[in-house]
Amino acid sequence: MNLGLVGCGYWGKNYVGTIKDVDGASLKYVCDSNEKNIAGLRKKFPDIKFINDYSELLDKGLDGIIVVTPSSTHFDIAEKFLDRGVNVMIEKPITVKSDDAEALCNSADKNKSVLMVGHIFRYHPALVKVKELVDSGELGEIRYLESKRVGLGPIRTDVSSLWDLATHDIYISNYLLGMIPDRVSCTGISHNGKVDDITCLNMRYNGRVLSTIYANWEHPVKERKIYIGGTKKAILFDDIEPSNKLVIYDKGVTYQPSSGDYAEFLASLRDGNILIPKIQNTPPLKNEIEHFLKCIGGEVKCLTDGLDGLNTVRVLEAAENSRNKGGIELLVK
């Protein structure tokens, strides 16, 4: 598969190196409007043609294009390639407006092109294992998700910590629960005068599950943790942990009606064993790119298609609206 890459900043450079290790992928072109982003790669990858204007790639007959540019530019770039029937993989969030995301979905359908969103955690072996455990009922009825995505930078100027960091955990919550939230409430604060550096987001699912997300790019310690708690067991996913990324806790709370006069219920605490399962450690980005190739070849159905991207943006819009209204709880439309 002949591929092109648009956007070679911090994350785009990871794509360049990873694609070179993917069987069946040939990265023909890399584009970035900022020459500084690609200058150092020209000598390192002499077989790749580096350019500054992505419009040069529109009629190159590429099998797929990967868009890793600032979020505000995603729609304009992806639309042009989809209109020419080119398969597109676009980094999260798919767009910064749900109307634009919906338009891209319609364009992909019309032109029978693959539209894939880079929600990378769908391709993380540890998260796939968590999904299996959730769906199997091993955790019991899911009651909460608690996410913490913090660290010292990188600082974005085009989008807030909500759109940059919390996007991951919004998608993960939707993926693990198999639905989007009914209601959201969000607060945030900006110390740069433009976009929020710190975000606190609450999402309610069917009135039974609460997912909380804390995102902060000013934090001195990098943490990427998600707790998933059920009536039977709970799981910790720690993406910073090099090997033991999952910990399963046989712990939980059971409520029973009380027959006494002073309490309406009785709480029973269960404190059991701790299990660390062995997880296959394959790079999520490589898995993601390999999946894109299989989608292009018609071998599989896309796991993170435009609709997934659209649903995530709908939640982000509702969260941003809540933040701008003082954190009130709003319906997700």
Foldseek 3Di string as FASTA:
>chain_A
DEEEEEDQPDVNVVVVVLQVVFPPYDDAEYEDLDCVSCVVVCVVCVNHHYYHDCVVVLPPPGQEYEYDHPQQCQLVVLLSNLQSLHAYEYEPLNHLDLVSLVVSVVSCVVSVHFYFYPLLVVLFQVLVVLLVCLVVCVQPAWAEKEWEFEAADDDDQRAAQCRVPVLSVQLSVCSSVVHHFFKKFKAFDDPVPHHGQWIWMWGHHPNRYIYIYIYHNRDHDGWTWMWIHGQQKIWIATPVDPFQRIKIWRWHKDWDADPDDPDGIDIDIDGDDMDRDGTDGDDSVSSQVVVSVCVSVVNDDHPGGSVSSSSSSLVSVNHVVNNVVPGDMDGRD
